[in-house]
Structures are given as structure tokens and as C-alpha cells.
Amino acid sequence: MQVNIERESREMTNILKATAMIASATTVALFTAACSDDGGDGGGGGGSYDPTASYSVTIKTNKGDIEADLYNDIASVYVENFVNLANRGFYTNSQWHRVIPGFVIQGGTNADGEQVAQFEDVFHPNMIHDSAGILSMANAGLNTNTSQFFITHDATPHLDPYVDGEMKPCHVRGTSCHAVFGKVTEGMDVVLSIEQGDVMESVEVHKR
């Protein structure tokens, strides 16, 4: 039984990596627009990204709302990406395209089936998948982050980029290194109720 669980965990990790595909030329343009600072809030309410601010988000779904704090102190690169995309409505009416009970729900490809261009990783030792409700970046290996992210159903320490304070060989194919950028504060029951094909209706950004 233990062997099966270990094998299933490895398979789940491979699924996460396989679903974060290389972006097309169209999505490169989307990423450029999402990361430009024009001072607008794109209707999201959070304004343009501020590296000194604290952020939280309300992820509205057809099953209810998920509230989460974002870790701008240790994951600013990823928070900037997420905040800018959310403020521009990138996630509006997009699907949770992968749900693995006991592991994660995953979304982040927009309603038109697009994701943004890849960007590089900046890991921190405090990026740990130590509980349910962790928001983390989906990827296909080192430096392949896009717009896709997942929320954990349980602790998944095998996804941490560091072990005992030492960075894993994330450049080696098959090594799981995922960037934690937030955590659910309310609505974990909603996270657990999400099924594949359910909809992320919008993401509201709260800046303080």
C-alpha cells in the first residue's frame, strides 16, 4: 500500500509538470501586457503591483469564495505575476482544469485556453508545502512558470524547492521544485469541493 501511495505521488507530480505547456507567441504578448505597469487596476481593485504592499485575494468560483493571503515578502516575482494577471481579468471564467483528490486543484489557463509566457524561478527556503491550502506555481521544470497555479488538498513536501535548508537540484529533469506564493485563509471547504471543469469566475485583489 505504501509503495502505491509513493508511486501515485510521483505520478501526480509528473501530471503537474506535464500540464504547464510552452506558451505560444500569442501568450507572449499577453504576458508583456500583464507585467507592464500602467497604473491601472484593470477592474481588479488592487491597483498596479507594489513590491512593498501586503496582498490578499478573493478567488470567486461557482462553488463559493476562496480567500488567500499572498507571500509578497518571499515570493514577489510570483505575486507580481498573479496580481497583474488577476487585475487584468486573465483568470475570469477560466476552468479548474485538473483536480486530483487528496492532492491539488489546478487552474490558470484562461477562458480562451491561453497561458502566459514562461518566466524564471526565484526560490526561497521558506517556500514549503506544509499543509492544505498552499498556493503554488505549476511548472514543467525549472524556469517554466506561466499563469498556472495549484492549491493543495494536503501537505505535499516533495514539491518543496529546498530540503533541510539546501536547494534541491531543480535543474535536473524530474526534480520537483514549486514556488509557494500564498495560502488559503478561508474557504478550504470550497477548495475541497472543486471538481474538474468548475469555474474560477474571477480573482479580486486586495492591497493593504
N, C-alpha and C. Protein backbone atom coordinates (compact mmCIF):
# COMPACT_ATOMS: atom_id res chain seq x y z
N MET A 1 0.83 -1.20 0.00
CA MET A 1 0.00 0.00 0.00
C MET A 1 0.87 1.25 0.00
N GLN A 2 1.91 1.27 0.82
CA GLN A 2 2.80 2.42 0.90
C GLN A 2 3.50 2.67 -0.42
N VAL A 3 3.89 1.58 -1.12
CA VAL A 3 4.54 1.70 -2.42
C VAL A 3 3.61 2.35 -3.42
N ASN A 4 2.32 1.94 -3.38
CA ASN A 4 1.34 2.51 -4.30
C ASN A 4 1.16 3.99 -4.07
N ILE A 5 1.11 4.40 -2.81
CA ILE A 5 0.96 5.82 -2.47
C ILE A 5 2.15 6.61 -3.00
N GLU A 6 3.36 6.07 -2.81
CA GLU A 6 4.56 6.76 -3.28
C GLU A 6 4.54 6.88 -4.80
N ARG A 7 4.12 5.80 -5.48
CA ARG A 7 4.06 5.85 -6.94
C ARG A 7 3.03 6.86 -7.42
N GLU A 8 1.86 6.89 -6.76
CA GLU A 8 0.81 7.83 -7.13
C GLU A 8 1.28 9.28 -6.92
N SER A 9 2.05 9.52 -5.85
CA SER A 9 2.56 10.86 -5.58
C SER A 9 3.49 11.30 -6.71
N ARG A 10 4.36 10.37 -7.15
CA ARG A 10 5.27 10.70 -8.26
C ARG A 10 4.49 10.98 -9.53
N GLU A 11 3.45 10.18 -9.77
CA GLU A 11 2.64 10.36 -10.97
C GLU A 11 1.91 11.71 -10.93
N MET A 12 1.41 12.09 -9.74
CA MET A 12 0.72 13.37 -9.60
C MET A 12 1.67 14.52 -9.90
N THR A 13 2.91 14.41 -9.41
CA THR A 13 3.91 15.45 -9.66
C THR A 13 4.18 15.56 -11.16
N ASN A 14 4.29 14.44 -11.84
CA ASN A 14 4.53 14.45 -13.28
C ASN A 14 3.37 15.09 -14.02
N ILE A 15 2.13 14.85 -13.53
CA ILE A 15 0.96 15.46 -14.15
C ILE A 15 1.02 16.97 -14.04
N LEU A 16 1.42 17.46 -12.84
CA LEU A 16 1.54 18.91 -12.65
C LEU A 16 2.50 19.51 -13.66
N LYS A 17 3.63 18.84 -13.85
CA LYS A 17 4.64 19.36 -14.77
C LYS A 17 4.16 19.28 -16.21
N ALA A 18 3.48 18.18 -16.56
CA ALA A 18 3.06 17.97 -17.93
C ALA A 18 2.00 18.97 -18.37
N THR A 19 1.21 19.47 -17.41
CA THR A 19 0.11 20.36 -17.78
C THR A 19 0.54 21.81 -17.94
N ALA A 20 1.75 22.16 -17.54
CA ALA A 20 2.24 23.54 -17.74
C ALA A 20 3.03 23.56 -19.05
N MET A 21 2.38 23.82 -20.18
CA MET A 21 2.97 23.69 -21.52
C MET A 21 3.64 25.00 -21.94
N ILE A 22 4.49 24.90 -22.96
CA ILE A 22 5.17 26.08 -23.50
C ILE A 22 4.16 27.03 -24.14
N ALA A 23 4.27 28.32 -23.80
CA ALA A 23 3.30 29.31 -24.29
C ALA A 23 3.55 29.63 -25.75
N SER A 24 2.50 30.02 -26.45
CA SER A 24 2.58 30.39 -27.86
C SER A 24 2.96 31.87 -28.01
N ALA A 25 3.17 32.31 -29.24
CA ALA A 25 3.51 33.72 -29.48
C ALA A 25 2.40 34.64 -29.00
N THR A 26 1.16 34.18 -29.10
CA THR A 26 0.04 34.99 -28.62
C THR A 26 0.13 35.24 -27.13
N THR A 27 0.52 34.22 -26.38
CA THR A 27 0.57 34.37 -24.93
C THR A 27 1.78 35.18 -24.49
N VAL A 28 2.81 35.28 -25.32
CA VAL A 28 3.93 36.17 -25.01
C VAL A 28 3.42 37.60 -24.92
N ALA A 29 2.57 37.97 -25.87
CA ALA A 29 2.00 39.32 -25.86
C ALA A 29 1.16 39.54 -24.61
N LEU A 30 0.42 38.51 -24.23
CA LEU A 30 -0.39 38.61 -23.02
C LEU A 30 0.47 38.87 -21.80
N PHE A 31 1.60 38.17 -21.71
CA PHE A 31 2.48 38.32 -20.56
C PHE A 31 3.07 39.72 -20.51
N THR A 32 3.47 40.23 -21.66
CA THR A 32 4.03 41.57 -21.71
C THR A 32 3.03 42.61 -21.22
N ALA A 33 1.78 42.45 -21.64
CA ALA A 33 0.74 43.37 -21.20
C ALA A 33 0.47 43.23 -19.72
N ALA A 34 0.46 42.00 -19.23
CA ALA A 34 0.13 41.75 -17.83
C ALA A 34 1.17 42.31 -16.89
N CYS A 35 2.43 42.33 -17.31
CA CYS A 35 3.50 42.75 -16.42
C CYS A 35 3.87 44.22 -16.57
N SER A 36 3.26 44.92 -17.54
CA SER A 36 3.56 46.34 -17.69
C SER A 36 2.84 47.11 -16.59
N ASP A 37 3.47 48.17 -16.13
CA ASP A 37 2.91 48.98 -15.06
C ASP A 37 2.36 50.26 -15.65
N ASP A 38 1.04 50.27 -15.91
CA ASP A 38 0.44 51.46 -16.48
C ASP A 38 -0.36 52.23 -15.46
N GLY A 39 -0.33 51.77 -14.18
CA GLY A 39 -1.02 52.48 -13.13
C GLY A 39 -2.49 52.14 -13.04
N GLY A 40 -3.01 51.33 -13.96
CA GLY A 40 -4.42 50.96 -13.92
C GLY A 40 -4.63 49.75 -13.05
N ASP A 41 -5.92 49.55 -12.66
CA ASP A 41 -6.20 48.39 -11.83
C ASP A 41 -6.91 47.30 -12.59
N GLY A 42 -7.19 47.53 -13.89
CA GLY A 42 -7.79 46.50 -14.72
C GLY A 42 -9.12 46.01 -14.19
N GLY A 43 -9.76 46.73 -13.28
CA GLY A 43 -11.03 46.32 -12.73
C GLY A 43 -10.89 45.38 -11.56
N GLY A 44 -9.68 45.03 -11.18
CA GLY A 44 -9.48 44.08 -10.10
C GLY A 44 -9.47 44.70 -8.73
N GLY A 45 -9.29 46.02 -8.62
CA GLY A 45 -9.35 46.70 -7.35
C GLY A 45 -8.02 46.78 -6.62
N GLY A 46 -6.99 46.10 -7.10
CA GLY A 46 -5.72 46.09 -6.38
C GLY A 46 -4.74 47.14 -6.85
N GLY A 47 -5.06 47.83 -7.95
CA GLY A 47 -4.13 48.80 -8.50
C GLY A 47 -2.93 48.11 -9.11
N SER A 48 -1.93 48.89 -9.54
CA SER A 48 -0.72 48.32 -10.10
C SER A 48 0.09 47.66 -8.99
N TYR A 49 0.90 46.70 -9.35
CA TYR A 49 1.67 45.93 -8.36
C TYR A 49 2.62 46.81 -7.57
N ASP A 50 2.66 46.60 -6.25
CA ASP A 50 3.54 47.34 -5.35
C ASP A 50 4.39 46.35 -4.57
N PRO A 51 5.70 46.34 -4.77
CA PRO A 51 6.56 45.35 -4.10
C PRO A 51 6.60 45.52 -2.58
N THR A 52 6.15 46.66 -2.07
CA THR A 52 6.19 46.89 -0.62
C THR A 52 4.85 46.60 0.06
N ALA A 53 3.84 46.27 -0.72
CA ALA A 53 2.49 46.08 -0.18
C ALA A 53 2.27 44.67 0.33
N SER A 54 1.21 44.53 1.13
CA SER A 54 0.71 43.21 1.50
C SER A 54 -0.54 42.95 0.67
N TYR A 55 -0.68 41.72 0.20
CA TYR A 55 -1.79 41.38 -0.68
C TYR A 55 -2.58 40.17 -0.17
N SER A 56 -3.88 40.24 -0.42
CA SER A 56 -4.73 39.07 -0.28
C SER A 56 -5.63 39.03 -1.50
N VAL A 57 -6.25 37.89 -1.74
CA VAL A 57 -7.13 37.75 -2.90
C VAL A 57 -8.40 37.00 -2.51
N THR A 58 -9.44 37.28 -3.26
CA THR A 58 -10.67 36.50 -3.19
C THR A 58 -10.83 35.80 -4.53
N ILE A 59 -10.71 34.48 -4.52
CA ILE A 59 -10.89 33.69 -5.73
C ILE A 59 -12.35 33.25 -5.75
N LYS A 60 -13.13 33.84 -6.63
CA LYS A 60 -14.55 33.52 -6.71
C LYS A 60 -14.75 32.35 -7.67
N THR A 61 -15.46 31.34 -7.19
CA THR A 61 -15.72 30.16 -8.01
C THR A 61 -17.22 29.88 -8.03
N ASN A 62 -17.62 28.97 -8.90
CA ASN A 62 -19.04 28.60 -8.93
C ASN A 62 -19.45 27.78 -7.72
N LYS A 63 -18.48 27.39 -6.88
CA LYS A 63 -18.77 26.65 -5.66
C LYS A 63 -18.69 27.54 -4.41
N GLY A 64 -18.27 28.80 -4.58
CA GLY A 64 -18.10 29.70 -3.45
C GLY A 64 -16.77 30.42 -3.52
N ASP A 65 -16.47 31.21 -2.49
CA ASP A 65 -15.26 32.04 -2.47
C ASP A 65 -14.12 31.40 -1.69
N ILE A 66 -12.91 31.62 -2.19
CA ILE A 66 -11.69 31.19 -1.53
C ILE A 66 -10.88 32.44 -1.20
N GLU A 67 -10.59 32.66 0.07
CA GLU A 67 -9.77 33.80 0.49
C GLU A 67 -8.34 33.32 0.73
N ALA A 68 -7.36 34.10 0.29
CA ALA A 68 -5.97 33.70 0.47
C ALA A 68 -5.08 34.91 0.67
N ASP A 69 -4.06 34.76 1.50
CA ASP A 69 -3.01 35.76 1.63
C ASP A 69 -1.89 35.40 0.66
N LEU A 70 -1.26 36.42 0.07
CA LEU A 70 -0.14 36.22 -0.83
C LEU A 70 1.16 36.58 -0.12
N TYR A 71 2.23 35.83 -0.42
CA TYR A 71 3.52 35.98 0.27
C TYR A 71 4.44 36.90 -0.51
N ASN A 72 4.14 38.20 -0.48
CA ASN A 72 4.94 39.16 -1.24
C ASN A 72 6.36 39.28 -0.70
N ASP A 73 6.57 38.90 0.56
CA ASP A 73 7.89 39.03 1.17
C ASP A 73 8.88 38.00 0.65
N ILE A 74 8.42 36.79 0.37
CA ILE A 74 9.33 35.72 -0.08
C ILE A 74 9.09 35.31 -1.53
N ALA A 75 8.01 35.81 -2.15
CA ALA A 75 7.65 35.32 -3.49
C ALA A 75 7.20 36.47 -4.39
N SER A 76 7.89 37.59 -4.32
CA SER A 76 7.44 38.79 -5.03
C SER A 76 7.31 38.59 -6.54
N VAL A 77 8.21 37.83 -7.14
CA VAL A 77 8.15 37.59 -8.59
C VAL A 77 6.83 36.93 -8.97
N TYR A 78 6.42 35.96 -8.17
CA TYR A 78 5.22 35.19 -8.45
C TYR A 78 3.97 35.98 -8.07
N VAL A 79 4.03 36.72 -6.98
CA VAL A 79 2.91 37.55 -6.57
C VAL A 79 2.66 38.65 -7.61
N GLU A 80 3.72 39.26 -8.10
CA GLU A 80 3.58 40.28 -9.15
C GLU A 80 2.86 39.70 -10.36
N ASN A 81 3.29 38.53 -10.80
CA ASN A 81 2.68 37.87 -11.94
C ASN A 81 1.19 37.62 -11.68
N PHE A 82 0.88 37.07 -10.51
CA PHE A 82 -0.50 36.71 -10.18
C PHE A 82 -1.39 37.95 -10.04
N VAL A 83 -0.90 38.95 -9.33
CA VAL A 83 -1.66 40.18 -9.11
C VAL A 83 -1.95 40.90 -10.43
N ASN A 84 -0.94 41.04 -11.28
CA ASN A 84 -1.14 41.73 -12.55
C ASN A 84 -2.13 40.99 -13.45
N LEU A 85 -2.01 39.67 -13.49
CA LEU A 85 -2.95 38.88 -14.29
C LEU A 85 -4.36 38.98 -13.75
N ALA A 86 -4.49 38.87 -12.42
CA ALA A 86 -5.82 38.96 -11.80
C ALA A 86 -6.46 40.31 -12.06
N ASN A 87 -5.69 41.38 -11.90
CA ASN A 87 -6.21 42.72 -12.11
C ASN A 87 -6.65 42.99 -13.54
N ARG A 88 -6.09 42.25 -14.47
CA ARG A 88 -6.45 42.41 -15.88
C ARG A 88 -7.52 41.42 -16.32
N GLY A 89 -8.04 40.65 -15.37
CA GLY A 89 -9.13 39.73 -15.69
C GLY A 89 -8.70 38.47 -16.41
N PHE A 90 -7.40 38.15 -16.36
CA PHE A 90 -6.91 36.98 -17.09
C PHE A 90 -7.59 35.69 -16.65
N TYR A 91 -7.86 35.57 -15.34
CA TYR A 91 -8.42 34.32 -14.81
C TYR A 91 -9.94 34.26 -14.88
N THR A 92 -10.59 35.33 -15.34
CA THR A 92 -12.05 35.39 -15.34
C THR A 92 -12.67 34.29 -16.18
N ASN A 93 -13.57 33.53 -15.55
CA ASN A 93 -14.31 32.44 -16.21
C ASN A 93 -13.41 31.36 -16.78
N SER A 94 -12.26 31.16 -16.14
CA SER A 94 -11.38 30.05 -16.55
C SER A 94 -11.71 28.80 -15.74
N GLN A 95 -11.32 27.66 -16.25
CA GLN A 95 -11.66 26.39 -15.60
C GLN A 95 -10.57 25.91 -14.66
N TRP A 96 -10.98 25.22 -13.63
CA TRP A 96 -10.07 24.37 -12.87
C TRP A 96 -9.91 23.11 -13.72
N HIS A 97 -8.83 23.05 -14.46
CA HIS A 97 -8.71 22.02 -15.50
C HIS A 97 -8.16 20.70 -15.00
N ARG A 98 -7.64 20.69 -13.77
CA ARG A 98 -7.15 19.43 -13.21
C ARG A 98 -7.44 19.39 -11.71
N VAL A 99 -8.08 18.33 -11.28
CA VAL A 99 -8.38 18.12 -9.87
C VAL A 99 -7.98 16.69 -9.51
N ILE A 100 -7.10 16.58 -8.53
CA ILE A 100 -6.65 15.26 -8.06
C ILE A 100 -6.99 15.18 -6.58
N PRO A 101 -8.05 14.45 -6.22
CA PRO A 101 -8.47 14.37 -4.82
C PRO A 101 -7.32 13.95 -3.90
N GLY A 102 -7.21 14.66 -2.79
CA GLY A 102 -6.14 14.38 -1.84
C GLY A 102 -4.82 15.03 -2.20
N PHE A 103 -4.77 15.71 -3.34
CA PHE A 103 -3.51 16.31 -3.79
C PHE A 103 -3.69 17.79 -4.10
N VAL A 104 -4.27 18.14 -5.26
CA VAL A 104 -4.38 19.55 -5.64
C VAL A 104 -5.60 19.81 -6.53
N ILE A 105 -5.96 21.11 -6.61
CA ILE A 105 -6.77 21.62 -7.71
C ILE A 105 -5.87 22.56 -8.49
N GLN A 106 -5.99 22.56 -9.82
CA GLN A 106 -5.08 23.36 -10.65
C GLN A 106 -5.86 24.15 -11.69
N GLY A 107 -5.46 25.39 -11.86
CA GLY A 107 -6.06 26.26 -12.87
C GLY A 107 -5.03 27.25 -13.37
N GLY A 108 -5.50 28.25 -14.13
CA GLY A 108 -4.58 29.28 -14.58
C GLY A 108 -4.41 29.42 -16.07
N THR A 109 -5.05 28.52 -16.86
CA THR A 109 -5.14 28.74 -18.29
C THR A 109 -6.42 29.51 -18.52
N ASN A 110 -6.40 30.62 -19.23
CA ASN A 110 -7.57 31.49 -19.25
C ASN A 110 -8.73 30.89 -20.04
N ALA A 111 -9.83 31.64 -20.10
CA ALA A 111 -11.05 31.12 -20.72
C ALA A 111 -10.88 30.81 -22.20
N ASP A 112 -9.87 31.41 -22.84
CA ASP A 112 -9.59 31.15 -24.25
C ASP A 112 -8.55 30.06 -24.46
N GLY A 113 -8.16 29.39 -23.37
CA GLY A 113 -7.20 28.31 -23.47
C GLY A 113 -5.75 28.76 -23.56
N GLU A 114 -5.48 30.02 -23.17
CA GLU A 114 -4.13 30.57 -23.26
C GLU A 114 -3.49 30.68 -21.88
N GLN A 115 -2.18 30.66 -21.85
CA GLN A 115 -1.42 30.96 -20.65
C GLN A 115 -0.30 31.91 -21.05
N VAL A 116 0.39 32.47 -20.06
CA VAL A 116 1.37 33.50 -20.39
C VAL A 116 2.74 32.89 -20.67
N ALA A 117 3.65 33.73 -21.13
CA ALA A 117 5.00 33.28 -21.44
C ALA A 117 5.74 32.85 -20.18
N GLN A 118 6.68 31.97 -20.34
CA GLN A 118 7.43 31.43 -19.20
C GLN A 118 8.34 32.48 -18.57
N PHE A 119 8.52 32.36 -17.26
CA PHE A 119 9.47 33.24 -16.58
C PHE A 119 10.25 32.43 -15.55
N GLU A 120 11.38 32.99 -15.12
CA GLU A 120 12.33 32.23 -14.31
C GLU A 120 11.95 32.15 -12.84
N ASP A 121 12.47 31.12 -12.19
CA ASP A 121 12.23 30.90 -10.77
C ASP A 121 13.16 31.72 -9.89
N VAL A 122 12.63 32.15 -8.75
CA VAL A 122 13.42 32.75 -7.68
C VAL A 122 12.92 32.09 -6.39
N PHE A 123 13.57 31.02 -5.99
CA PHE A 123 13.11 30.24 -4.84
C PHE A 123 13.59 30.82 -3.51
N HIS A 124 12.87 30.46 -2.45
CA HIS A 124 13.21 30.89 -1.09
C HIS A 124 13.06 29.69 -0.17
N PRO A 125 13.93 29.55 0.83
CA PRO A 125 13.86 28.39 1.74
C PRO A 125 12.52 28.25 2.46
N ASN A 126 11.78 29.36 2.63
CA ASN A 126 10.51 29.30 3.33
C ASN A 126 9.33 28.93 2.44
N MET A 127 9.61 28.60 1.19
CA MET A 127 8.55 28.11 0.30
C MET A 127 8.32 26.64 0.59
N ILE A 128 7.38 26.37 1.50
CA ILE A 128 7.14 25.00 1.93
C ILE A 128 5.67 24.63 1.76
N HIS A 129 5.45 23.44 1.25
CA HIS A 129 4.10 22.90 1.04
C HIS A 129 3.75 22.05 2.27
N ASP A 130 3.51 22.73 3.39
CA ASP A 130 3.41 22.03 4.67
C ASP A 130 1.99 21.79 5.15
N SER A 131 1.00 22.14 4.34
CA SER A 131 -0.38 21.99 4.79
C SER A 131 -1.33 22.05 3.60
N ALA A 132 -2.61 21.85 3.89
CA ALA A 132 -3.64 22.10 2.89
C ALA A 132 -3.73 23.60 2.65
N GLY A 133 -4.18 23.98 1.45
CA GLY A 133 -4.44 25.38 1.15
C GLY A 133 -3.26 26.18 0.66
N ILE A 134 -2.16 25.53 0.32
CA ILE A 134 -0.99 26.25 -0.20
C ILE A 134 -1.20 26.59 -1.67
N LEU A 135 -0.98 27.88 -2.02
CA LEU A 135 -0.98 28.31 -3.42
C LEU A 135 0.44 28.21 -3.94
N SER A 136 0.62 27.53 -5.07
CA SER A 136 1.96 27.31 -5.59
C SER A 136 1.91 27.27 -7.11
N MET A 137 3.06 27.54 -7.72
CA MET A 137 3.13 27.59 -9.18
C MET A 137 3.26 26.21 -9.80
N ALA A 138 2.44 25.94 -10.80
CA ALA A 138 2.61 24.75 -11.62
C ALA A 138 3.74 25.03 -12.60
N ASN A 139 4.49 24.00 -12.95
CA ASN A 139 5.56 24.19 -13.92
C ASN A 139 5.90 22.88 -14.62
N ALA A 140 6.74 22.99 -15.63
CA ALA A 140 7.21 21.82 -16.37
C ALA A 140 8.70 21.62 -16.15
N GLY A 141 9.20 22.14 -15.03
CA GLY A 141 10.62 22.10 -14.73
C GLY A 141 11.10 23.50 -14.36
N LEU A 142 12.37 23.62 -14.08
CA LEU A 142 12.95 24.89 -13.64
C LEU A 142 12.73 25.99 -14.69
N ASN A 143 12.34 27.17 -14.20
CA ASN A 143 12.19 28.37 -15.03
C ASN A 143 11.11 28.24 -16.11
N THR A 144 10.05 27.49 -15.82
CA THR A 144 8.96 27.33 -16.79
C THR A 144 7.62 27.75 -16.20
N ASN A 145 7.64 28.71 -15.26
CA ASN A 145 6.39 29.21 -14.70
C ASN A 145 5.61 29.96 -15.77
N THR A 146 4.28 29.86 -15.69
CA THR A 146 3.43 30.66 -16.59
C THR A 146 2.35 31.31 -15.72
N SER A 147 1.11 31.12 -16.09
CA SER A 147 -0.01 31.63 -15.30
C SER A 147 -0.67 30.53 -14.46
N GLN A 148 -0.27 29.29 -14.66
CA GLN A 148 -0.91 28.18 -13.97
C GLN A 148 -0.44 28.05 -12.53
N PHE A 149 -1.38 27.72 -11.65
CA PHE A 149 -1.08 27.52 -10.25
C PHE A 149 -1.97 26.43 -9.69
N PHE A 150 -1.61 25.97 -8.51
CA PHE A 150 -2.45 24.95 -7.87
C PHE A 150 -2.64 25.30 -6.40
N ILE A 151 -3.65 24.68 -5.80
CA ILE A 151 -3.91 24.79 -4.37
C ILE A 151 -3.94 23.38 -3.80
N THR A 152 -3.17 23.16 -2.74
CA THR A 152 -3.03 21.80 -2.21
C THR A 152 -4.24 21.39 -1.37
N HIS A 153 -4.52 20.09 -1.40
CA HIS A 153 -5.52 19.48 -0.53
C HIS A 153 -4.89 19.05 0.79
N ASP A 154 -3.59 18.89 0.81
CA ASP A 154 -2.88 18.39 1.99
C ASP A 154 -1.42 18.81 1.87
N ALA A 155 -0.64 18.51 2.88
CA ALA A 155 0.80 18.78 2.80
C ALA A 155 1.42 17.97 1.67
N THR A 156 2.30 18.61 0.90
CA THR A 156 2.99 17.95 -0.22
C THR A 156 4.46 18.35 -0.20
N PRO A 157 5.21 17.94 0.83
CA PRO A 157 6.60 18.41 0.98
C PRO A 157 7.52 18.00 -0.15
N HIS A 158 7.16 16.97 -0.92
CA HIS A 158 8.02 16.56 -2.03
C HIS A 158 8.07 17.62 -3.14
N LEU A 159 7.19 18.64 -3.06
CA LEU A 159 7.18 19.72 -4.04
C LEU A 159 8.05 20.90 -3.63
N ASP A 160 8.58 20.89 -2.39
CA ASP A 160 9.40 22.00 -1.89
C ASP A 160 10.69 22.15 -2.70
N PRO A 161 11.13 23.38 -2.96
CA PRO A 161 12.40 23.58 -3.68
C PRO A 161 13.63 23.38 -2.79
N TYR A 162 13.44 23.38 -1.46
CA TYR A 162 14.55 23.18 -0.53
C TYR A 162 14.26 21.97 0.36
N VAL A 163 15.31 21.28 0.76
CA VAL A 163 15.23 20.21 1.75
C VAL A 163 16.29 20.48 2.82
N ASP A 164 15.85 20.60 4.06
CA ASP A 164 16.77 20.87 5.19
C ASP A 164 17.66 22.09 4.91
N GLY A 165 17.05 23.12 4.32
CA GLY A 165 17.78 24.36 4.07
C GLY A 165 18.67 24.36 2.85
N GLU A 166 18.75 23.23 2.16
CA GLU A 166 19.58 23.14 0.96
C GLU A 166 18.70 23.04 -0.28
N MET A 167 19.02 23.84 -1.29
CA MET A 167 18.23 23.81 -2.51
C MET A 167 18.41 22.49 -3.24
N LYS A 168 17.32 21.92 -3.71
CA LYS A 168 17.36 20.68 -4.47
C LYS A 168 17.96 20.94 -5.87
N PRO A 169 18.41 19.91 -6.55
CA PRO A 169 18.93 20.10 -7.92
C PRO A 169 17.77 20.32 -8.90
N CYS A 170 17.17 21.50 -8.80
CA CYS A 170 15.95 21.78 -9.55
C CYS A 170 16.15 21.75 -11.06
N HIS A 171 17.40 21.88 -11.50
CA HIS A 171 17.69 21.84 -12.93
C HIS A 171 17.65 20.42 -13.49
N VAL A 172 17.66 19.43 -12.61
CA VAL A 172 17.66 18.04 -13.05
C VAL A 172 16.24 17.62 -13.40
N ARG A 173 16.06 17.07 -14.56
CA ARG A 173 14.75 16.64 -15.04
C ARG A 173 14.11 15.67 -14.04
N GLY A 174 12.85 15.93 -13.71
CA GLY A 174 12.14 15.05 -12.80
C GLY A 174 12.20 15.49 -11.35
N THR A 175 13.00 16.53 -11.05
CA THR A 175 13.08 17.04 -9.68
C THR A 175 11.96 18.06 -9.48
N SER A 176 11.16 17.85 -8.44
CA SER A 176 10.01 18.72 -8.18
C SER A 176 10.41 19.93 -7.34
N CYS A 177 10.30 21.11 -7.94
CA CYS A 177 10.59 22.37 -7.25
C CYS A 177 9.51 23.37 -7.63
N HIS A 178 8.61 23.63 -6.70
CA HIS A 178 7.49 24.52 -6.99
C HIS A 178 7.47 25.69 -6.02
N ALA A 179 7.16 26.88 -6.54
CA ALA A 179 7.24 28.12 -5.78
C ALA A 179 5.93 28.42 -5.06
N VAL A 180 5.96 28.37 -3.75
CA VAL A 180 4.81 28.75 -2.93
C VAL A 180 4.67 30.26 -2.92
N PHE A 181 3.45 30.77 -3.16
CA PHE A 181 3.28 32.23 -3.15
C PHE A 181 2.06 32.67 -2.34
N GLY A 182 1.42 31.77 -1.62
CA GLY A 182 0.29 32.17 -0.81
C GLY A 182 -0.34 31.01 -0.07
N LYS A 183 -1.39 31.32 0.72
CA LYS A 183 -2.09 30.29 1.48
C LYS A 183 -3.54 30.70 1.70
N VAL A 184 -4.42 29.71 1.62
CA VAL A 184 -5.85 29.92 1.87
C VAL A 184 -6.07 30.27 3.33
N THR A 185 -6.87 31.30 3.57
CA THR A 185 -7.23 31.71 4.93
C THR A 185 -8.69 31.40 5.25
N GLU A 186 -9.53 31.37 4.23
CA GLU A 186 -10.94 30.98 4.37
C GLU A 186 -11.38 30.29 3.10
N GLY A 187 -12.29 29.33 3.24
CA GLY A 187 -12.85 28.68 2.06
C GLY A 187 -12.18 27.38 1.68
N MET A 188 -11.50 26.75 2.65
CA MET A 188 -10.87 25.47 2.33
C MET A 188 -11.94 24.43 1.96
N ASP A 189 -13.14 24.58 2.52
CA ASP A 189 -14.23 23.68 2.14
C ASP A 189 -14.57 23.84 0.66
N VAL A 190 -14.43 25.07 0.15
CA VAL A 190 -14.67 25.31 -1.28
C VAL A 190 -13.59 24.63 -2.11
N VAL A 191 -12.33 24.79 -1.68
CA VAL A 191 -11.23 24.14 -2.38
C VAL A 191 -11.49 22.64 -2.51
N LEU A 192 -11.92 22.02 -1.43
CA LEU A 192 -12.14 20.57 -1.42
C LEU A 192 -13.37 20.16 -2.22
N SER A 193 -14.26 21.11 -2.47
CA SER A 193 -15.48 20.80 -3.24
C SER A 193 -15.29 20.97 -4.74
N ILE A 194 -14.21 21.65 -5.15
CA ILE A 194 -13.98 21.91 -6.58
C ILE A 194 -13.78 20.61 -7.33
N GLU A 195 -14.47 20.51 -8.47
CA GLU A 195 -14.33 19.36 -9.37
C GLU A 195 -13.76 19.85 -10.69
N GLN A 196 -13.16 18.93 -11.44
CA GLN A 196 -12.59 19.30 -12.74
C GLN A 196 -13.68 19.89 -13.62
N GLY A 197 -13.39 21.04 -14.21
CA GLY A 197 -14.38 21.72 -15.04
C GLY A 197 -15.12 22.83 -14.32
N ASP A 198 -15.03 22.88 -12.99
CA ASP A 198 -15.60 24.00 -12.27
C ASP A 198 -14.89 25.29 -12.68
N VAL A 199 -15.53 26.42 -12.40
CA VAL A 199 -15.06 27.69 -12.97
C VAL A 199 -14.51 28.64 -11.90
N MET A 200 -13.37 29.23 -12.23
CA MET A 200 -12.82 30.35 -11.47
C MET A 200 -13.45 31.61 -12.07
N GLU A 201 -14.47 32.13 -11.42
CA GLU A 201 -15.24 33.21 -12.02
C GLU A 201 -14.45 34.51 -12.08
N SER A 202 -13.67 34.78 -11.06
CA SER A 202 -12.81 35.97 -11.04
C SER A 202 -11.85 35.87 -9.88
N VAL A 203 -10.82 36.73 -9.92
CA VAL A 203 -9.89 36.86 -8.79
C VAL A 203 -9.83 38.34 -8.41
N GLU A 204 -10.27 38.66 -7.22
CA GLU A 204 -10.24 40.04 -6.73
C GLU A 204 -8.99 40.24 -5.86
N VAL A 205 -8.25 41.29 -6.14
CA VAL A 205 -7.01 41.59 -5.42
C VAL A 205 -7.27 42.66 -4.36
N HIS A 206 -6.77 42.42 -3.15
CA HIS A 206 -6.91 43.38 -2.06
C HIS A 206 -5.51 43.80 -1.61
N LYS A 207 -5.23 45.08 -1.70
CA LYS A 207 -3.92 45.62 -1.38
C LYS A 207 -4.01 46.41 -0.07
N ARG A 208 -3.03 46.19 0.82
CA ARG A 208 -3.08 46.93 2.08
C ARG A 208 -1.67 47.33 2.51
